[in-house]
Amino acid sequence: MLTLVAATMLSMAAMKADPMDDARKAFNNCMIETHNKGITDKLSPSSFTKAADEACMTERTTYRDILIKSERSYGSSQKDAEKFANEEVQMIVDSVVTSFNENVENGAKLTPEK
């Protein structure tokens, strides 16, 4: 039993952070913070959409760049990798905008990922 616990602890220690997932979480959590601030500030849906399009540029760029690099490593062309990355980034933005539109009336906030 002790050996199993020790082996599990060693394998967990050996696991490395996933840069792509870390970048996705950072971007998603930044967008969630933008959502929650928009709820607190009682932004209109159109004002929030504009704010969401301009939010989290550092995190957005980092995530997009990692996605492009990953897609290129699988043999995608630069153009296809950029298209895929842009779509993935836009899906997060669209999800947060949709959540805002659903939550603006009741003031509900989103919970960041851990």
Protein backbone atom coordinates (compact mmCIF):
# COMPACT_ATOMS: atom_id res chain seq x y z
CA MET A 1 0.00 0.00 0.00
CA LEU A 2 2.76 2.41 0.91
CA THR A 3 4.49 1.60 -2.38
CA LEU A 4 1.35 2.50 -4.33
CA VAL A 5 1.05 5.83 -2.53
CA ALA A 6 4.72 6.60 -3.10
CA ALA A 7 4.46 5.67 -6.78
CA THR A 8 1.39 7.87 -7.19
CA MET A 9 3.11 10.81 -5.51
CA LEU A 10 6.18 10.39 -7.71
CA SER A 11 4.14 10.23 -10.90
CA MET A 12 2.18 13.34 -9.87
CA ALA A 13 5.43 15.17 -9.17
CA ALA A 14 6.73 14.15 -12.58
CA MET A 15 3.70 15.57 -14.38
CA LYS A 16 4.42 18.83 -16.09
CA ALA A 17 1.98 21.64 -16.52
CA ASP A 18 0.30 21.76 -19.90
CA PRO A 19 1.20 25.16 -21.42
CA MET A 20 -1.79 25.10 -23.78
CA ASP A 21 -4.26 24.31 -21.02
CA ASP A 22 -2.64 26.89 -18.75
CA ALA A 23 -2.96 29.52 -21.49
CA ARG A 24 -6.58 28.54 -22.15
CA LYS A 25 -7.42 28.77 -18.45
CA ALA A 26 -5.72 32.15 -18.15
CA PHE A 27 -7.66 33.51 -21.11
CA ASN A 28 -10.94 31.95 -20.02
CA ASN A 29 -10.53 33.23 -16.44
CA CYS A 30 -9.71 36.72 -17.68
CA MET A 31 -12.86 36.65 -19.81
CA ILE A 32 -14.85 35.45 -16.78
CA GLU A 33 -13.49 38.40 -14.80
CA THR A 34 -14.60 40.67 -17.67
CA HIS A 35 -18.07 39.07 -17.53
CA ASN A 36 -18.32 39.53 -13.78
CA LYS A 37 -17.18 43.16 -13.96
CA GLY A 38 -19.73 43.80 -16.71
CA ILE A 39 -22.45 42.34 -14.48
CA THR A 40 -21.32 44.47 -11.53
CA ASP A 41 -21.14 47.58 -13.71
CA LYS A 42 -24.55 46.75 -15.23
CA LEU A 43 -23.31 47.08 -18.79
CA SER A 44 -25.79 46.78 -21.62
CA PRO A 45 -25.40 43.69 -23.81
CA SER A 46 -24.03 45.76 -26.69
CA SER A 47 -21.51 47.52 -24.41
CA PHE A 48 -20.42 44.18 -23.00
CA THR A 49 -19.95 42.68 -26.47
CA LYS A 50 -17.62 45.56 -27.34
CA ALA A 51 -15.78 45.19 -24.02
CA ALA A 52 -15.42 41.42 -24.53
CA ASP A 53 -13.96 41.91 -28.02
CA GLU A 54 -11.28 44.19 -26.56
CA ALA A 55 -10.62 42.31 -23.29
CA CYS A 56 -7.72 40.14 -22.22
CA MET A 57 -5.46 40.83 -25.18
CA THR A 58 -2.30 39.50 -23.52
CA GLU A 59 -3.96 36.22 -22.51
CA ARG A 60 -5.76 36.00 -25.85
CA THR A 61 -2.53 36.42 -27.81
CA THR A 62 -0.65 33.91 -25.66
CA TYR A 63 -3.37 31.29 -26.10
CA ARG A 64 -3.67 31.95 -29.84
CA ASP A 65 0.09 31.71 -30.35
CA ILE A 66 0.28 28.38 -28.49
CA LEU A 67 -2.61 27.02 -30.54
CA ILE A 68 -0.91 28.04 -33.78
CA LYS A 69 2.37 26.46 -32.71
CA SER A 70 0.59 23.26 -31.74
CA GLU A 71 -1.34 23.05 -35.02
CA ARG A 72 1.83 23.72 -37.01
CA SER A 73 3.55 20.86 -35.16
CA TYR A 74 0.86 18.54 -36.53
CA GLY A 75 1.59 19.67 -40.08
CA SER A 76 -1.04 22.36 -40.57
CA SER A 77 -0.22 25.27 -42.80
CA GLN A 78 0.25 28.66 -41.18
CA LYS A 79 -3.05 29.83 -42.66
CA ASP A 80 -4.99 26.80 -41.40
CA ALA A 81 -3.35 26.99 -37.96
CA GLU A 82 -4.26 30.67 -37.65
CA LYS A 83 -7.83 29.97 -38.76
CA PHE A 84 -8.18 27.20 -36.18
CA ALA A 85 -6.66 29.35 -33.42
CA ASN A 86 -8.91 32.30 -34.25
CA GLU A 87 -11.96 30.03 -34.12
CA GLU A 88 -10.95 28.58 -30.74
CA VAL A 89 -10.37 32.04 -29.27
CA GLN A 90 -13.68 33.29 -30.68
CA MET A 91 -15.54 30.34 -29.15
CA ILE A 92 -14.40 31.43 -25.68
CA VAL A 93 -15.38 35.05 -26.35
CA ASP A 94 -18.76 34.00 -27.74
CA SER A 95 -19.41 31.73 -24.77
CA VAL A 96 -18.77 34.55 -22.30
CA VAL A 97 -20.92 36.98 -24.30
CA THR A 98 -23.76 34.42 -24.37
CA SER A 99 -23.40 33.92 -20.61
CA PHE A 100 -23.48 37.67 -20.07
CA ASN A 101 -26.67 38.01 -22.11
CA GLU A 102 -28.25 35.26 -20.01
CA ASN A 103 -27.02 36.71 -16.71
CA VAL A 104 -27.42 40.45 -17.19
CA GLU A 105 -30.98 40.51 -15.85
CA ASN A 106 -30.44 38.34 -12.77
CA GLY A 107 -26.91 39.50 -11.97
CA ALA A 108 -25.45 35.99 -11.88
CA LYS A 109 -21.66 35.75 -12.05
CA LEU A 110 -19.39 33.05 -13.42
CA THR A 111 -16.85 31.13 -11.37
CA PRO A 112 -13.27 31.05 -12.62
CA GLU A 113 -11.55 27.72 -13.31
CA LYS A 114 -9.00 26.48 -10.82
